[in-house]
C-alpha atoms as a PDB file:
ATOM      1  CA  MET A   1     -23.833  43.279-135.433  1.00  0.00           C
ATOM      2  CA  LYS A   2     -23.695  41.042-132.415  1.00  0.00           C
ATOM      3  CA  ARG A   3     -20.833  38.540-132.098  1.00  0.00           C
ATOM      4  CA  LYS A   4     -21.191  35.258-130.347  1.00  0.00           C
ATOM      5  CA  LEU A   5     -18.509  32.993-129.075  1.00  0.00           C
ATOM      6  CA  PHE A   6     -19.275  29.401-128.328  1.00  0.00           C
ATOM      7  CA  ALA A   7     -16.784  27.353-126.337  1.00  0.00           C
ATOM      8  CA  LEU A   8     -17.378  23.730-125.493  1.00  0.00           C
ATOM      9  CA  LEU A   9     -15.284  22.390-122.651  1.00  0.00           C
ATOM     10  CA  VAL A  10     -15.113  18.669-122.216  1.00  0.00           C
ATOM     11  CA  ALA A  11     -12.627  16.712-120.146  1.00  0.00           C
ATOM     12  CA  CYS A  12     -12.675  12.921-120.353  1.00  0.00           C
ATOM     13  CA  LEU A  13     -10.477  10.005-119.461  1.00  0.00           C
ATOM     14  CA  MET A  14     -10.418   7.328-122.108  1.00  0.00           C
ATOM     15  CA  CYS A  15      -8.453   4.066-122.209  1.00  0.00           C
ATOM     16  CA  GLY A  16      -5.906   5.396-119.725  1.00  0.00           C
ATOM     17  CA  ALA A  17      -5.098   8.371-121.964  1.00  0.00           C
ATOM     18  CA  ALA A  18      -6.372  11.823-121.166  1.00  0.00           C
ATOM     19  CA  MET A  19      -8.610  13.449-123.751  1.00  0.00           C
ATOM     20  CA  ALA A  20     -10.315  16.827-123.768  1.00  0.00           C
ATOM     21  CA  THR A  21     -12.323  18.604-126.452  1.00  0.00           C
ATOM     22  CA  GLY A  22     -12.812  22.313-127.109  1.00  0.00           C
ATOM     23  CA  THR A  23     -14.736  24.303-129.688  1.00  0.00           C
ATOM     24  CA  VAL A  24     -14.684  27.973-130.645  1.00  0.00           C
ATOM     25  CA  ARG A  25     -17.274  29.470-132.981  1.00  0.00           C
ATOM     26  CA  ILE A  26     -17.617  33.133-133.797  1.00  0.00           C
ATOM     27  CA  GLU A  27     -20.778  34.082-135.676  1.00  0.00           C
ATOM     28  CA  ARG A  28     -21.390  36.939-138.097  1.00  0.00           C
ATOM     29  CA  THR A  29     -17.796  37.997-138.668  1.00  0.00           C
ATOM     30  CA  ALA A  30     -16.880  38.830-142.217  1.00  0.00           C
ATOM     31  CA  THR A  31     -13.104  38.892-141.849  1.00  0.00           C
ATOM     32  CA  LEU A  32     -12.277  35.971-139.581  1.00  0.00           C
ATOM     33  CA  THR A  33     -12.197  32.543-141.208  1.00  0.00           C
ATOM     34  CA  SER A  34     -11.752  29.217-139.457  1.00  0.00           C
ATOM     35  CA  GLU A  35      -8.425  28.705-141.232  1.00  0.00           C
ATOM     36  CA  LYS A  36      -7.176  32.063-139.913  1.00  0.00           C
ATOM     37  CA  MET A  37      -8.284  30.981-136.445  1.00  0.00           C
ATOM     38  CA  VAL A  38      -6.183  27.782-136.720  1.00  0.00           C
ATOM     39  CA  GLN A  39      -3.127  29.712-137.880  1.00  0.00           C
ATOM     40  CA  THR A  40      -3.548  32.297-135.119  1.00  0.00           C
ATOM     41  CA  MET A  41      -4.399  29.958-132.248  1.00  0.00           C
ATOM     42  CA  PHE A  42      -2.206  26.947-133.032  1.00  0.00           C
ATOM     43  CA  ALA A  43       0.517  27.673-135.595  1.00  0.00           C
ATOM     44  CA  ARG A  44       1.785  31.125-134.650  1.00  0.00           C
ATOM     45  CA  SER A  45       0.724  31.776-131.060  1.00  0.00           C
ATOM     46  CA  SER A  46       3.238  31.512-128.236  1.00  0.00           C
ATOM     47  CA  GLU A  47       0.378  30.278-126.027  1.00  0.00           C
ATOM     48  CA  MET A  48      -1.881  27.349-126.784  1.00  0.00           C
ATOM     49  CA  PRO A  49      -5.692  27.698-126.490  1.00  0.00           C
ATOM     50  CA  PHE A  50      -5.685  24.852-123.942  1.00  0.00           C
ATOM     51  CA  SER A  51      -3.792  24.146-120.743  1.00  0.00           C
ATOM     52  CA  PHE A  52      -2.953  21.449-118.232  1.00  0.00           C
ATOM     53  CA  GLU A  53      -0.685  20.981-115.259  1.00  0.00           C
ATOM     54  CA  ILE A  54       2.104  18.480-114.731  1.00  0.00           C
ATOM     55  CA  ASP A  55       2.896  17.992-111.052  1.00  0.00           C
ATOM     56  CA  GLY A  56       1.178  21.295-110.294  1.00  0.00           C
ATOM     57  CA  VAL A  57       3.086  23.354-112.899  1.00  0.00           C
ATOM     58  CA  SER A  58       0.945  25.046-115.563  1.00  0.00           C
ATOM     59  CA  SER A  59       1.674  24.166-119.193  1.00  0.00           C
ATOM     60  CA  LYS A  60       1.668  27.907-119.914  1.00  0.00           C
ATOM     61  CA  ARG A  61       5.058  27.996-118.145  1.00  0.00           C
ATOM     62  CA  PHE A  62       6.739  25.284-120.263  1.00  0.00           C
ATOM     63  CA  ILE A  63       4.772  24.387-123.415  1.00  0.00           C
ATOM     64  CA  HIS A  64       6.651  27.025-125.481  1.00  0.00           C
ATOM     65  CA  LYS A  65       9.824  24.946-124.924  1.00  0.00           C
ATOM     66  CA  TRP A  66       8.255  21.817-126.446  1.00  0.00           C
ATOM     67  CA  SER A  67       8.711  21.006-130.134  1.00  0.00           C
ATOM     68  CA  ARG A  68       5.675  21.928-132.229  1.00  0.00           C
ATOM     69  CA  ARG A  69       4.498  20.699-135.640  1.00  0.00           C
ATOM     70  CA  LEU A  70       1.216  21.519-137.353  1.00  0.00           C
ATOM     71  CA  VAL A  71       0.496  18.790-139.897  1.00  0.00           C
ATOM     72  CA  ALA A  72      -2.355  18.867-142.437  1.00  0.00           C
ATOM     73  CA  VAL A  73      -4.555  15.756-142.318  1.00  0.00           C
ATOM     74  CA  GLU A  74      -7.047  14.533-144.903  1.00  0.00           C
ATOM     75  CA  ALA A  75     -10.530  15.845-144.124  1.00  0.00           C
ATOM     76  CA  THR A  76     -13.320  13.317-143.683  1.00  0.00           C
ATOM     77  CA  GLU A  77     -16.215  15.742-144.203  1.00  0.00           C
ATOM     78  CA  HIS A  78     -16.681  17.930-147.291  1.00  0.00           C
ATOM     79  CA  ASN A  79     -16.935  21.213-145.359  1.00  0.00           C
ATOM     80  CA  THR A  80     -13.875  20.780-143.132  1.00  0.00           C
ATOM     81  CA  LYS A  81     -10.116  21.087-143.046  1.00  0.00           C
ATOM     82  CA  ARG A  82      -8.094  19.083-140.522  1.00  0.00           C
ATOM     83  CA  TRP A  83      -4.722  19.330-138.819  1.00  0.00           C
ATOM     84  CA  ASP A  84      -2.817  17.551-136.076  1.00  0.00           C
ATOM     85  CA  LEU A  85      -0.808  19.751-133.755  1.00  0.00           C
ATOM     86  CA  LEU A  86       2.008  17.620-132.333  1.00  0.00           C
ATOM     87  CA  LEU A  87       3.791  18.830-129.194  1.00  0.00           C
ATOM     88  CA  THR A  88       6.661  16.849-127.648  1.00  0.00           C
ATOM     89  CA  SER A  89       8.554  17.523-124.424  1.00  0.00           C
ATOM     90  CA  PRO A  90      12.308  18.172-124.751  1.00  0.00           C
ATOM     91  CA  ASP A  91      13.093  14.708-123.306  1.00  0.00           C
ATOM     92  CA  LYS A  92      10.578  13.127-125.776  1.00  0.00           C
ATOM     93  CA  LYS A  93       8.771  11.320-122.917  1.00  0.00           C
ATOM     94  CA  LEU A  94       5.537  13.333-122.987  1.00  0.00           C
ATOM     95  CA  ALA A  95       3.452  14.187-126.028  1.00  0.00           C
ATOM     96  CA  VAL A  96       0.293  16.139-126.767  1.00  0.00           C
ATOM     97  CA  ARG A  97      -1.619  15.546-129.975  1.00  0.00           C
ATOM     98  CA  CYS A  98      -4.309  18.080-130.741  1.00  0.00           C
ATOM     99  CA  GLU A  99      -6.732  17.066-133.506  1.00  0.00           C
ATOM    100  CA  ILE A 100      -8.069  20.263-135.084  1.00  0.00           C
ATOM    101  CA  VAL A 101     -11.139  20.577-137.303  1.00  0.00           C
ATOM    102  CA  ALA A 102     -11.868  23.877-139.066  1.00  0.00           C
ATOM    103  CA  TYR A 103     -15.225  24.332-140.776  1.00  0.00           C
ATOM    104  CA  THR A 104     -15.061  26.000-144.191  1.00  0.00           C
ATOM    105  CA  ASP A 105     -18.704  27.108-144.355  1.00  0.00           C
ATOM    106  CA  PHE A 106     -18.631  29.193-141.148  1.00  0.00           C
ATOM    107  CA  PRO A 107     -15.941  30.468-138.737  1.00  0.00           C
ATOM    108  CA  ALA A 108     -15.723  27.605-136.262  1.00  0.00           C
ATOM    109  CA  VAL A 109     -12.852  25.472-135.014  1.00  0.00           C
ATOM    110  CA  GLU A 110     -12.910  22.499-132.688  1.00  0.00           C
ATOM    111  CA  TRP A 111     -10.084  20.485-131.199  1.00  0.00           C
ATOM    112  CA  THR A 112      -9.515  17.367-129.151  1.00  0.00           C
ATOM    113  CA  LEU A 113      -6.443  16.847-126.970  1.00  0.00           C
ATOM    114  CA  PHE A 114      -4.681  13.548-126.419  1.00  0.00           C
ATOM    115  CA  LEU A 115      -1.965  13.366-123.757  1.00  0.00           C
ATOM    116  CA  LYS A 116       0.518  10.508-123.949  1.00  0.00           C
ATOM    117  CA  ASN A 117       3.400   9.153-121.909  1.00  0.00           C
ATOM    118  CA  ASN A 118       6.073   7.856-124.314  1.00  0.00           C
ATOM    119  CA  GLY A 119       8.431   6.945-121.477  1.00  0.00           C
ATOM    120  CA  THR A 120       8.991   3.520-119.947  1.00  0.00           C
ATOM    121  CA  GLN A 121       7.908   4.601-116.453  1.00  0.00           C
ATOM    122  CA  ASN A 122       4.911   6.441-115.035  1.00  0.00           C
ATOM    123  CA  SER A 123       4.864  10.089-115.989  1.00  0.00           C
ATOM    124  CA  ALA A 124       4.342  12.993-113.647  1.00  0.00           C
ATOM    125  CA  GLN A 125       0.674  13.591-112.831  1.00  0.00           C
ATOM    126  CA  PHE A 126      -1.430  15.496-115.389  1.00  0.00           C
ATOM    127  CA  THR A 127      -4.167  17.579-113.727  1.00  0.00           C
ATOM    128  CA  ASN A 128      -6.447  20.529-114.485  1.00  0.00           C
ATOM    129  CA  ILE A 129      -6.804  19.667-118.160  1.00  0.00           C
ATOM    130  CA  ASN A 130      -8.620  22.590-119.793  1.00  0.00           C
ATOM    131  CA  ALA A 131      -9.629  21.942-123.377  1.00  0.00           C
ATOM    132  CA  ALA A 132     -10.309  25.644-123.924  1.00  0.00           C
ATOM    133  CA  ASP A 133      -8.183  28.087-121.967  1.00  0.00           C
ATOM    134  CA  LEU A 134      -7.926  31.238-124.031  1.00  0.00           C
ATOM    135  CA  THR A 135      -8.469  34.969-124.106  1.00  0.00           C
ATOM    136  CA  ILE A 136     -10.516  36.438-126.950  1.00  0.00           C
ATOM    137  CA  SER A 137     -10.004  40.099-127.772  1.00  0.00           C
ATOM    138  CA  ASP A 138     -10.376  42.451-130.686  1.00  0.00           C
ATOM    139  CA  ASN A 139     -11.595  45.957-131.364  1.00  0.00           C
ATOM    140  CA  ALA A 140     -15.263  44.987-131.170  1.00  0.00           C
ATOM    141  CA  THR A 141     -17.448  47.614-129.564  1.00  0.00           C
ATOM    142  CA  GLU A 142     -20.383  45.242-129.226  1.00  0.00           C
ATOM    143  CA  GLY A 143     -18.629  42.573-127.166  1.00  0.00           C
ATOM    144  CA  TYR A 144     -19.219  38.845-127.137  1.00  0.00           C
ATOM    145  CA  THR A 145     -21.818  36.458-125.857  1.00  0.00           C
ATOM    146  CA  LEU A 146     -20.135  33.456-124.258  1.00  0.00           C
ATOM    147  CA  SER A 147     -21.931  30.146-123.893  1.00  0.00           C
ATOM    148  CA  THR A 148     -20.401  27.015-122.403  1.00  0.00           C
ATOM    149  CA  ALA A 149     -21.343  23.411-121.877  1.00  0.00           C
ATOM    150  CA  GLN A 150     -19.571  20.724-119.902  1.00  0.00           C
ATOM    151  CA  GLY A 151     -19.805  16.960-120.107  1.00  0.00           C
ATOM    152  CA  CYS A 152     -18.399  13.731-121.519  1.00  0.00           C
END
């Protein structure tokens, strides 16, 4: 059984706020559900499936120190479940909101990042925003097929 992984990487600037979208879809897997993917990738993982830099420092070095809340949100489509992942810096000046959509009819999850400065002055510079920055591994002997697309 061949497994496919689809990751969509989009980085956009919108209304002065940074936004990036990522999608992961794994086909033909009997045991992995989209809800399990959300719990694994967003709720319980010490690393987020996205990254960015603030003044040249990777979020992988500091994001684990930020407060984290995964909040269920009312779904707008019949075959989806939604969450907001809310990350806030220790000084409360910077925030990341990650809108997560999990599809109930097949194992696929997509997310959109929103970066916000809650301070009264300009924030440090956000760069290298990667909507999907993750490592996929399991005991599969057949491997994965990775497809990507970029654009706004």
